C-alpha atoms as a PDB file:
ATOM      1  CA  MET A   1      -0.003  -0.003   0.001  1.00  0.00           C
ATOM      2  CA  ASN A   2       2.747   2.424   0.988  1.00  0.00           C
ATOM      3  CA  HIS A   3       4.684   1.509  -2.137  1.00  0.00           C
ATOM      4  CA  ALA A   4       1.706   2.329  -4.300  1.00  0.00           C
ATOM      5  CA  LEU A   5       1.212   5.682  -2.560  1.00  0.00           C
ATOM      6  CA  ASN A   6       4.862   6.490  -2.952  1.00  0.00           C
ATOM      7  CA  THR A   7       4.667   5.698  -6.644  1.00  0.00           C
ATOM      8  CA  VAL A   8       1.666   7.978  -7.115  1.00  0.00           C
ATOM      9  CA  TYR A   9       3.302  10.724  -5.057  1.00  0.00           C
ATOM     10  CA  GLU A  10       6.531  10.462  -7.050  1.00  0.00           C
ATOM     11  CA  SER A  11       4.637  10.605 -10.330  1.00  0.00           C
ATOM     12  CA  LEU A  12       2.662  13.681  -9.241  1.00  0.00           C
ATOM     13  CA  ARG A  13       5.885  15.347  -8.046  1.00  0.00           C
ATOM     14  CA  GLN A  14       7.570  14.724 -11.336  1.00  0.00           C
ATOM     15  CA  ASP A  15       4.585  16.096 -13.214  1.00  0.00           C
ATOM     16  CA  TRP A  16       4.559  19.173 -10.966  1.00  0.00           C
ATOM     17  CA  ASP A  17       8.281  19.736 -11.516  1.00  0.00           C
ATOM     18  CA  ALA A  18       7.787  19.388 -15.265  1.00  0.00           C
ATOM     19  CA  PHE A  19       4.915  21.881 -15.115  1.00  0.00           C
ATOM     20  CA  VAL A  20       7.001  24.326 -13.087  1.00  0.00           C
ATOM     21  CA  ARG A  21       9.816  24.054 -15.606  1.00  0.00           C
ATOM     22  CA  LEU A  22       7.351  24.474 -18.482  1.00  0.00           C
ATOM     23  CA  ALA A  23       5.329  27.307 -16.861  1.00  0.00           C
ATOM     24  CA  PRO A  24       7.588  30.189 -18.018  1.00  0.00           C
ATOM     25  CA  ARG A  25       7.485  28.990 -21.583  1.00  0.00           C
ATOM     26  CA  LEU A  26       3.724  28.368 -21.319  1.00  0.00           C
ATOM     27  CA  VAL A  27       3.127  31.883 -20.030  1.00  0.00           C
ATOM     28  CA  LEU A  28       5.421  33.316 -22.722  1.00  0.00           C
ATOM     29  CA  ALA A  29       3.666  31.316 -25.416  1.00  0.00           C
ATOM     30  CA  LEU A  30       0.238  32.438 -24.197  1.00  0.00           C
ATOM     31  CA  ILE A  31       1.410  36.077 -24.062  1.00  0.00           C
ATOM     32  CA  LEU A  32       2.850  35.902 -27.571  1.00  0.00           C
ATOM     33  CA  PHE A  33      -0.337  34.328 -28.900  1.00  0.00           C
ATOM     34  CA  LEU A  34      -2.540  37.023 -27.340  1.00  0.00           C
ATOM     35  CA  VAL A  35      -0.167  39.783 -28.456  1.00  0.00           C
ATOM     36  CA  LEU A  36      -0.259  38.583 -32.074  1.00  0.00           C
ATOM     37  CA  VAL A  37      -4.052  38.319 -31.961  1.00  0.00           C
ATOM     38  CA  TRP A  38      -4.187  41.881 -30.600  1.00  0.00           C
ATOM     39  CA  ILE A  39      -1.758  43.060 -33.296  1.00  0.00           C
ATOM     40  CA  GLY A  40      -3.920  41.359 -35.937  1.00  0.00           C
ATOM     41  CA  ARG A  41      -6.993  43.210 -34.660  1.00  0.00           C
ATOM     42  CA  MET A  42      -5.145  46.533 -34.650  1.00  0.00           C
ATOM     43  CA  VAL A  43      -3.786  45.960 -38.154  1.00  0.00           C
ATOM     44  CA  GLY A  44      -7.260  44.935 -39.308  1.00  0.00           C
ATOM     45  CA  ARG A  45      -8.755  48.158 -37.934  1.00  0.00           C
ATOM     46  CA  VAL A  46      -6.074  50.244 -39.652  1.00  0.00           C
ATOM     47  CA  VAL A  47      -6.692  48.457 -42.959  1.00  0.00           C
ATOM     48  CA  VAL A  48     -10.465  48.945 -42.544  1.00  0.00           C
ATOM     49  CA  ARG A  49      -9.983  52.677 -42.017  1.00  0.00           C
ATOM     50  CA  ILE A  50      -7.780  52.864 -45.123  1.00  0.00           C
ATOM     51  CA  LEU A  51     -10.336  50.926 -47.173  1.00  0.00           C
ATOM     52  CA  GLN A  52     -13.121  53.142 -45.842  1.00  0.00           C
ATOM     53  CA  GLU A  53     -11.235  56.228 -47.039  1.00  0.00           C
ATOM     54  CA  LYS A  54     -10.889  54.497 -50.420  1.00  0.00           C
ATOM     55  CA  LYS A  55     -14.660  54.010 -50.339  1.00  0.00           C
ATOM     56  CA  PHE A  56     -14.613  50.203 -50.201  1.00  0.00           C
ATOM     57  CA  ASN A  57     -17.987  48.834 -49.203  1.00  0.00           C
ATOM     58  CA  LEU A  58     -18.737  47.306 -45.787  1.00  0.00           C
ATOM     59  CA  THR A  59     -18.610  43.700 -47.026  1.00  0.00           C
ATOM     60  CA  HIS A  60     -15.062  44.041 -48.333  1.00  0.00           C
ATOM     61  CA  ARG A  61     -13.889  45.895 -45.205  1.00  0.00           C
ATOM     62  CA  ASN A  62     -15.223  43.136 -42.919  1.00  0.00           C
ATOM     63  CA  PHE A  63     -13.672  40.454 -45.084  1.00  0.00           C
ATOM     64  CA  PHE A  64     -10.188  41.958 -44.877  1.00  0.00           C
ATOM     65  CA  ARG A  65     -10.524  42.645 -41.141  1.00  0.00           C
ATOM     66  CA  HIS A  66     -11.400  38.997 -40.373  1.00  0.00           C
ATOM     67  CA  LEU A  67      -8.795  37.668 -42.766  1.00  0.00           C
ATOM     68  CA  ILE A  68      -5.981  39.681 -41.157  1.00  0.00           C
ATOM     69  CA  THR A  69      -7.077  38.730 -37.595  1.00  0.00           C
ATOM     70  CA  TRP A  70      -7.169  35.029 -38.462  1.00  0.00           C
ATOM     71  CA  MET A  71      -3.783  35.143 -40.164  1.00  0.00           C
ATOM     72  CA  PHE A  72      -2.125  36.739 -37.113  1.00  0.00           C
ATOM     73  CA  GLY A  73      -3.937  34.306 -34.816  1.00  0.00           C
ATOM     74  CA  LEU A  74      -2.673  31.305 -36.762  1.00  0.00           C
ATOM     75  CA  LEU A  75       0.856  32.720 -36.742  1.00  0.00           C
ATOM     76  CA  GLY A  76       0.654  33.206 -32.974  1.00  0.00           C
ATOM     77  CA  LEU A  77      -0.572  29.633 -32.454  1.00  0.00           C
ATOM     78  CA  ILE A  78       2.270  28.188 -34.515  1.00  0.00           C
ATOM     79  CA  ILE A  79       4.869  30.251 -32.630  1.00  0.00           C
ATOM     80  CA  ALA A  80       3.347  29.237 -29.262  1.00  0.00           C
ATOM     81  CA  LEU A  81       3.488  25.540 -30.142  1.00  0.00           C
ATOM     82  CA  ASN A  82       7.140  25.877 -31.162  1.00  0.00           C
ATOM     83  CA  LEU A  83       7.993  27.618 -27.875  1.00  0.00           C
ATOM     84  CA  LEU A  84       6.390  24.747 -25.957  1.00  0.00           C
ATOM     85  CA  GLY A  85       8.541  22.261 -27.829  1.00  0.00           C
ATOM     86  CA  LEU A  86       5.632  20.982 -29.846  1.00  0.00           C
ATOM     87  CA  GLN A  87       7.249  21.433 -33.228  1.00  0.00           C
ATOM     88  CA  ALA A  88       5.609  18.299 -34.540  1.00  0.00           C
ATOM     89  CA  ALA A  89       2.177  19.669 -33.626  1.00  0.00           C
ATOM     90  CA  ALA A  90       2.979  22.996 -35.277  1.00  0.00           C
ATOM     91  CA  ALA A  91       4.181  21.238 -38.428  1.00  0.00           C
ATOM     92  CA  GLY A  92       1.119  19.007 -38.352  1.00  0.00           C
ATOM     93  CA  LEU A  93      -1.120  22.056 -38.049  1.00  0.00           C
ATOM     94  CA  MET A  94       0.488  23.661 -41.081  1.00  0.00           C
ATOM     95  CA  ALA A  95       0.464  20.440 -43.093  1.00  0.00           C
ATOM     96  CA  GLY A  96      -3.102  19.663 -42.043  1.00  0.00           C
ATOM     97  CA  GLY A  97      -4.187  23.141 -42.959  1.00  0.00           C
ATOM     98  CA  GLY A  98      -2.594  22.768 -46.389  1.00  0.00           C
ATOM     99  CA  ILE A  99      -4.237  19.400 -46.994  1.00  0.00           C
ATOM    100  CA  THR A 100      -7.576  20.737 -45.760  1.00  0.00           C
ATOM    101  CA  ALA A 101      -7.245  23.759 -48.009  1.00  0.00           C
ATOM    102  CA  VAL A 102      -6.556  21.529 -51.039  1.00  0.00           C
ATOM    103  CA  ALA A 103      -9.484  19.248 -50.200  1.00  0.00           C
ATOM    104  CA  LEU A 104     -11.843  22.137 -49.689  1.00  0.00           C
ATOM    105  CA  GLY A 105     -10.520  23.746 -52.828  1.00  0.00           C
ATOM    106  CA  PHE A 106     -11.571  20.746 -54.924  1.00  0.00           C
ATOM    107  CA  ALA A 107     -14.874  20.351 -53.048  1.00  0.00           C
ATOM    108  CA  PHE A 108     -15.860  24.007 -53.280  1.00  0.00           C
ATOM    109  CA  ARG A 109     -14.057  25.065 -56.390  1.00  0.00           C
ATOM    110  CA  GLY A 110     -16.848  27.371 -57.549  1.00  0.00           C
ATOM    111  CA  ILE A 111     -17.223  29.067 -54.182  1.00  0.00           C
ATOM    112  CA  GLY A 112     -13.461  29.504 -53.819  1.00  0.00           C
ATOM    113  CA  GLU A 113     -13.157  30.876 -57.350  1.00  0.00           C
ATOM    114  CA  ASN A 114     -15.871  33.435 -56.681  1.00  0.00           C
ATOM    115  CA  LEU A 115     -14.338  34.465 -53.334  1.00  0.00           C
ATOM    116  CA  LEU A 116     -10.904  34.851 -54.897  1.00  0.00           C
ATOM    117  CA  ALA A 117     -12.354  36.871 -57.788  1.00  0.00           C
ATOM    118  CA  GLY A 118     -14.240  39.019 -55.289  1.00  0.00           C
ATOM    119  CA  PHE A 119     -10.968  39.566 -53.406  1.00  0.00           C
ATOM    120  CA  PHE A 120      -9.248  40.931 -56.529  1.00  0.00           C
ATOM    121  CA  LEU A 121     -12.288  42.935 -57.566  1.00  0.00           C
ATOM    122  CA  ALA A 122     -12.215  44.622 -54.174  1.00  0.00           C
ATOM    123  CA  PHE A 123      -8.886  46.184 -55.179  1.00  0.00           C
ATOM    124  CA  SER A 124      -9.623  47.001 -58.820  1.00  0.00           C
ATOM    125  CA  ARG A 125     -13.188  48.293 -58.164  1.00  0.00           C
ATOM    126  CA  PRO A 126     -14.318  48.666 -61.810  1.00  0.00           C
ATOM    127  CA  PHE A 127     -17.795  49.752 -60.659  1.00  0.00           C
ATOM    128  CA  GLU A 128     -19.699  51.096 -57.657  1.00  0.00           C
ATOM    129  CA  VAL A 129     -23.239  50.767 -56.356  1.00  0.00           C
ATOM    130  CA  GLY A 130     -25.515  52.725 -58.682  1.00  0.00           C
ATOM    131  CA  ASP A 131     -23.404  52.204 -61.821  1.00  0.00           C
ATOM    132  CA  VAL A 132     -25.021  50.649 -64.913  1.00  0.00           C
ATOM    133  CA  ILE A 133     -22.911  47.700 -66.029  1.00  0.00           C
ATOM    134  CA  GLN A 134     -23.054  44.786 -68.464  1.00  0.00           C
ATOM    135  CA  SER A 135     -21.393  41.422 -67.952  1.00  0.00           C
ATOM    136  CA  GLY A 136     -22.119  38.775 -70.549  1.00  0.00           C
ATOM    137  CA  GLU A 137     -25.840  38.848 -71.325  1.00  0.00           C
ATOM    138  CA  PHE A 138     -26.791  40.702 -68.157  1.00  0.00           C
ATOM    139  CA  GLN A 139     -27.120  44.485 -67.953  1.00  0.00           C
ATOM    140  CA  GLY A 140     -28.511  46.645 -65.211  1.00  0.00           C
ATOM    141  CA  ALA A 141     -27.905  48.986 -62.290  1.00  0.00           C
ATOM    142  CA  VAL A 142     -25.666  47.725 -59.474  1.00  0.00           C
ATOM    143  CA  ARG A 143     -27.693  47.353 -56.253  1.00  0.00           C
ATOM    144  CA  GLY A 144     -25.177  45.511 -54.066  1.00  0.00           C
ATOM    145  CA  ILE A 145     -21.609  44.192 -54.116  1.00  0.00           C
ATOM    146  CA  GLU A 146     -20.728  41.041 -52.167  1.00  0.00           C
ATOM    147  CA  MET A 147     -17.606  38.898 -52.169  1.00  0.00           C
ATOM    148  CA  ARG A 148     -19.237  36.017 -54.060  1.00  0.00           C
ATOM    149  CA  SER A 149     -21.595  37.938 -56.343  1.00  0.00           C
ATOM    150  CA  THR A 150     -22.828  41.321 -57.553  1.00  0.00           C
ATOM    151  CA  HIS A 151     -26.521  42.179 -57.414  1.00  0.00           C
ATOM    152  CA  ILE A 152     -27.868  44.129 -60.392  1.00  0.00           C
ATOM    153  CA  ARG A 153     -31.387  45.256 -61.306  1.00  0.00           C
ATOM    154  CA  THR A 154     -32.153  44.925 -65.015  1.00  0.00           C
ATOM    155  CA  GLY A 155     -34.222  47.408 -67.004  1.00  0.00           C
ATOM    156  CA  ASP A 156     -37.233  45.066 -66.946  1.00  0.00           C
ATOM    157  CA  GLY A 157     -37.165  44.740 -63.136  1.00  0.00           C
ATOM    158  CA  ARG A 158     -35.281  41.448 -62.737  1.00  0.00           C
ATOM    159  CA  ASP A 159     -32.834  41.024 -59.847  1.00  0.00           C
ATOM    160  CA  VAL A 160     -29.745  39.185 -61.114  1.00  0.00           C
ATOM    161  CA  TYR A 161     -26.841  38.008 -58.954  1.00  0.00           C
ATOM    162  CA  ILE A 162     -23.779  37.688 -61.161  1.00  0.00           C
ATOM    163  CA  PRO A 163     -20.953  35.469 -59.779  1.00  0.00           C
ATOM    164  CA  SER A 164     -17.749  37.407 -59.111  1.00  0.00           C
ATOM    165  CA  SER A 165     -15.773  34.926 -61.243  1.00  0.00           C
ATOM    166  CA  GLN A 166     -17.877  35.843 -64.280  1.00  0.00           C
ATOM    167  CA  ILE A 167     -17.334  39.557 -63.769  1.00  0.00           C
ATOM    168  CA  PHE A 168     -13.622  38.963 -63.245  1.00  0.00           C
ATOM    169  CA  ASN A 169     -13.117  36.687 -66.282  1.00  0.00           C
ATOM    170  CA  LEU A 170     -15.445  38.281 -68.846  1.00  0.00           C
ATOM    171  CA  PRO A 171     -15.224  41.788 -70.358  1.00  0.00           C
ATOM    172  CA  LEU A 172     -17.108  44.263 -68.226  1.00  0.00           C
ATOM    173  CA  VAL A 173     -18.900  47.328 -69.629  1.00  0.00           C
ATOM    174  CA  ASN A 174     -19.500  50.251 -67.270  1.00  0.00           C
ATOM    175  CA  PHE A 175     -21.929  52.689 -68.859  1.00  0.00           C
ATOM    176  CA  THR A 176     -21.807  55.274 -66.048  1.00  0.00           C
ATOM    177  CA  ARG A 177     -18.178  55.397 -64.932  1.00  0.00           C
ATOM    178  CA  ASP A 178     -17.871  59.112 -65.758  1.00  0.00           C
ATOM    179  CA  GLY A 179     -21.580  59.866 -66.130  1.00  0.00           C
ATOM    180  CA  LEU A 180     -21.450  60.335 -69.900  1.00  0.00           C
ATOM    181  CA  ARG A 181     -23.888  58.344 -72.077  1.00  0.00           C
ATOM    182  CA  ARG A 182     -23.988  58.386 -75.883  1.00  0.00           C
ATOM    183  CA  LEU A 183     -27.410  57.775 -77.399  1.00  0.00           C
ATOM    184  CA  SER A 184     -28.110  57.289 -81.075  1.00  0.00           C
ATOM    185  CA  PHE A 185     -30.822  56.405 -83.539  1.00  0.00           C
ATOM    186  CA  VAL A 186     -31.263  56.349 -87.297  1.00  0.00           C
ATOM    187  CA  VAL A 187     -34.048  57.872 -89.354  1.00  0.00           C
ATOM    188  CA  GLY A 188     -34.851  57.030 -92.969  1.00  0.00           C
ATOM    189  CA  ILE A 189     -35.704  59.694 -95.533  1.00  0.00           C
ATOM    190  CA  ASP A 190     -36.446  59.605 -99.255  1.00  0.00           C
ATOM    191  CA  TYR A 191     -33.512  59.742-101.695  1.00  0.00           C
ATOM    192  CA  ARG A 192     -35.199  62.760-103.315  1.00  0.00           C
ATOM    193  CA  ASP A 193     -35.024  64.712-100.022  1.00  0.00           C
ATOM    194  CA  ASP A 194     -32.171  67.104 -99.307  1.00  0.00           C
ATOM    195  CA  GLY A 195     -29.831  65.273 -96.936  1.00  0.00           C
ATOM    196  CA  VAL A 196     -27.784  68.374 -96.160  1.00  0.00           C
ATOM    197  CA  GLU A 197     -30.877  70.313 -95.089  1.00  0.00           C
ATOM    198  CA  ALA A 198     -32.098  67.328 -93.070  1.00  0.00           C
ATOM    199  CA  ARG A 199     -28.767  67.177 -91.263  1.00  0.00           C
ATOM    200  CA  ARG A 200     -28.925  70.919 -90.452  1.00  0.00           C
ATOM    201  CA  LEU A 201     -32.469  70.697 -89.063  1.00  0.00           C
ATOM    202  CA  LEU A 202     -31.700  67.589 -87.010  1.00  0.00           C
ATOM    203  CA  LEU A 203     -28.568  69.135 -85.473  1.00  0.00           C
ATOM    204  CA  GLN A 204     -30.450  72.299 -84.603  1.00  0.00           C
ATOM    205  CA  THR A 205     -33.278  70.353 -83.013  1.00  0.00           C
ATOM    206  CA  VAL A 206     -30.981  68.118 -80.946  1.00  0.00           C
ATOM    207  CA  ARG A 207     -28.972  71.100 -79.644  1.00  0.00           C
ATOM    208  CA  GLU A 208     -32.144  72.769 -78.406  1.00  0.00           C
ATOM    209  CA  VAL A 209     -32.894  69.912 -75.978  1.00  0.00           C
ATOM    210  CA  GLU A 210     -31.745  71.085 -72.550  1.00  0.00           C
ATOM    211  CA  GLN A 211     -29.963  67.966 -71.292  1.00  0.00           C
ATOM    212  CA  VAL A 212     -28.012  67.328 -74.500  1.00  0.00           C
ATOM    213  CA  LEU A 213     -24.351  68.213 -73.931  1.00  0.00           C
ATOM    214  CA  PRO A 214     -22.685  70.804 -76.185  1.00  0.00           C
ATOM    215  CA  ASP A 215     -19.330  69.060 -75.663  1.00  0.00           C
ATOM    216  CA  PRO A 216     -19.128  66.357 -76.866  1.00  0.00           C
ATOM    217  CA  GLY A 217     -21.630  67.786 -79.287  1.00  0.00           C
ATOM    218  CA  PRO A 218     -24.338  65.983 -81.279  1.00  0.00           C
ATOM    219  CA  ALA A 219     -23.602  64.581 -84.737  1.00  0.00           C
ATOM    220  CA  VAL A 220     -25.613  63.597 -87.803  1.00  0.00           C
ATOM    221  CA  SER A 221     -24.162  61.446 -90.563  1.00  0.00           C
ATOM    222  CA  ILE A 222     -25.326  59.084 -93.267  1.00  0.00           C
ATOM    223  CA  ALA A 223     -25.491  55.622 -91.748  1.00  0.00           C
ATOM    224  CA  THR A 224     -26.238  53.548 -94.835  1.00  0.00           C
ATOM    225  CA  PHE A 225     -28.155  53.409 -98.102  1.00  0.00           C
ATOM    226  CA  GLN A 226     -31.168  51.118 -98.086  1.00  0.00           C
ATOM    227  CA  SER A 227     -33.020  49.997-101.200  1.00  0.00           C
ATOM    228  CA  GLN A 228     -35.853  52.507-100.724  1.00  0.00           C
ATOM    229  CA  TYR A 229     -34.433  55.201 -98.467  1.00  0.00           C
ATOM    230  CA  GLN A 230     -31.254  56.656 -96.965  1.00  0.00           C
ATOM    231  CA  GLU A 231     -30.572  56.367 -93.252  1.00  0.00           C
ATOM    232  CA  LEU A 232     -29.265  59.292 -91.217  1.00  0.00           C
ATOM    233  CA  GLU A 233     -27.721  58.462 -87.852  1.00  0.00           C
ATOM    234  CA  VAL A 234     -28.268  60.996 -85.068  1.00  0.00           C
ATOM    235  CA  SER A 235     -26.059  60.752 -81.965  1.00  0.00           C
ATOM    236  CA  PHE A 236     -25.800  62.882 -78.859  1.00  0.00           C
ATOM    237  CA  TRP A 237     -24.383  62.823 -75.315  1.00  0.00           C
ATOM    238  CA  ILE A 238     -25.910  63.393 -71.921  1.00  0.00           C
ATOM    239  CA  ASP A 239     -24.454  63.555 -68.402  1.00  0.00           C
ATOM    240  CA  THR A 240     -26.255  61.143 -66.088  1.00  0.00           C
ATOM    241  CA  PHE A 241     -24.610  62.800 -63.060  1.00  0.00           C
ATOM    242  CA  GLN A 242     -26.324  66.104 -63.913  1.00  0.00           C
ATOM    243  CA  PRO A 243     -29.150  66.985 -61.442  1.00  0.00           C
ATOM    244  CA  GLY A 244     -32.490  65.894 -62.854  1.00  0.00           C
ATOM    245  CA  ALA A 245     -30.909  63.807 -65.607  1.00  0.00           C
ATOM    246  CA  ASP A 246     -33.573  61.702 -67.286  1.00  0.00           C
ATOM    247  CA  LEU A 247     -32.232  59.384 -69.969  1.00  0.00           C
ATOM    248  CA  PRO A 248     -35.555  58.015 -71.256  1.00  0.00           C
ATOM    249  CA  GLY A 249     -37.154  61.468 -71.163  1.00  0.00           C
ATOM    250  CA  THR A 250     -34.265  63.115 -73.006  1.00  0.00           C
ATOM    251  CA  ARG A 251     -34.254  60.396 -75.625  1.00  0.00           C
ATOM    252  CA  PHE A 252     -37.989  60.875 -76.201  1.00  0.00           C
ATOM    253  CA  LYS A 253     -37.634  64.668 -76.514  1.00  0.00           C
ATOM    254  CA  VAL A 254     -34.821  64.345 -79.048  1.00  0.00           C
ATOM    255  CA  MET A 255     -36.531  61.713 -81.198  1.00  0.00           C
ATOM    256  CA  ASP A 256     -39.939  63.407 -81.100  1.00  0.00           C
ATOM    257  CA  GLY A 257     -38.368  66.756 -81.945  1.00  0.00           C
ATOM    258  CA  CYS A 258     -36.509  65.226 -84.916  1.00  0.00           C
ATOM    259  CA  ARG A 259     -39.726  63.653 -86.183  1.00  0.00           C
ATOM    260  CA  ARG A 260     -41.607  66.935 -85.933  1.00  0.00           C
ATOM    261  CA  VAL A 261     -38.918  69.040 -87.639  1.00  0.00           C
ATOM    262  CA  LEU A 262     -38.660  66.602 -90.540  1.00  0.00           C
ATOM    263  CA  GLN A 263     -42.447  66.600 -90.977  1.00  0.00           C
ATOM    264  CA  GLN A 264     -42.585  70.396 -90.892  1.00  0.00           C
ATOM    265  CA  GLY A 265     -39.702  70.578 -93.366  1.00  0.00           C
ATOM    266  CA  GLY A 266     -41.678  68.555 -95.926  1.00  0.00           C
ATOM    267  CA  PHE A 267     -39.507  65.444 -95.802  1.00  0.00           C
ATOM    268  CA  THR A 268     -41.156  62.290 -97.042  1.00  0.00           C
ATOM    269  CA  PHE A 269     -43.097  60.239 -94.516  1.00  0.00           C
ATOM    270  CA  SER A 270     -45.587  58.306 -96.650  1.00  0.00           C
ATOM    271  CA  SER A 271     -46.559  54.816 -97.768  1.00  0.00           C
ATOM    272  CA  GLU A 272     -44.603  55.321-101.007  1.00  0.00           C
ATOM    273  CA  VAL A 273     -41.270  55.388 -99.169  1.00  0.00           C
ATOM    274  CA  THR A 274     -40.464  53.206 -96.206  1.00  0.00           C
ATOM    275  CA  THR A 275     -39.209  55.322 -93.305  1.00  0.00           C
ATOM    276  CA  GLY A 276     -37.302  53.348 -90.696  1.00  0.00           C
ATOM    277  CA  VAL A 277     -36.371  54.389 -87.171  1.00  0.00           C
ATOM    278  CA  VAL A 278     -33.896  52.249 -85.207  1.00  0.00           C
ATOM    279  CA  LEU A 279     -33.285  52.903 -81.510  1.00  0.00           C
ATOM    280  CA  ASP A 280     -29.832  51.930 -80.253  1.00  0.00           C
ATOM    281  CA  ALA A 281     -29.557  53.871 -77.010  1.00  0.00           C
ATOM    282  CA  VAL A 282     -29.178  50.753 -74.890  1.00  0.00           C
ATOM    283  CA  PRO A 283     -26.979  47.926 -76.285  1.00  0.00           C
ATOM    284  CA  GLY A 284     -28.949  44.814 -77.013  1.00  0.00           C
ATOM    285  CA  ALA A 285     -32.350  46.578 -76.814  1.00  0.00           C
ATOM    286  CA  ALA A 286     -33.064  47.728 -80.381  1.00  0.00           C
ATOM    287  CA  THR A 287     -36.480  48.321 -81.909  1.00  0.00           C
ATOM    288  CA  ARG A 288     -37.303  48.980 -85.519  1.00  0.00           C
ATOM    289  CA  ALA A 289     -40.498  50.792 -86.359  1.00  0.00           C
ATOM    290  CA  GLY A 290     -42.245  51.985 -89.458  1.00  0.00           C
ATOM    291  CA  ARG A 291     -41.271  49.035 -91.678  1.00  0.00           C
ATOM    292  CA  PRO A 292     -44.045  47.765 -93.943  1.00  0.00           C
END
């Protein structure tokens, strides 16, 4: 009985001595881990403030803050394990993390690709909320920007969430980066009509519309010769950042004014000559009217 008690006592004493010898390194390892976590949080806050000044959205700021904190925390854990003499555990943690990352990468390839694309898009920022963009077949106003996708509202009221990888890999069109939009349409007149006079009247009419910019100014040119009529292309610019800017309303005023001035000028609009009007203000949304 005494022998057994002595054995237990001796084992506990050896464990206590080992703990006492290890305690300084344990305390140091814990302090280093907490210090690195604290540094990670401080660095994350600094980065968030910088990104906020650069007008990054809240989603991207939170992503970078958490990423930096976790990276410093992992570094602190690996250093702490090495200080405690657990190099094998530290190496296993790194190797296990790498294997896990590879496994998750294959399992969630699409998600990882979108997150990585969203990470790079956060730096390049080719568009902001409110911009009108087109990616592939989708076009609309940006309503929200997330790491995995971008939310746009199309002209016909559909809410589309475009994966970040698609935006990153495909050509992106931003129609409102600087606020300038070029609108154009073509109008057909009879070959017997005076094209020079028609051009003068059309230019004068377009310039009189308030929201049409004088610089870049409007232009009228011959677009093509059809079998029964000649087509004149009318183009003009507006600034969507201008207070009260109304793209559909301005387009209507210009086109209706051009129709009126051509009618008043005696240009041919009859069943004998086909008069075609083609609207090309918004890419991919063209309408042709007045064809027999």
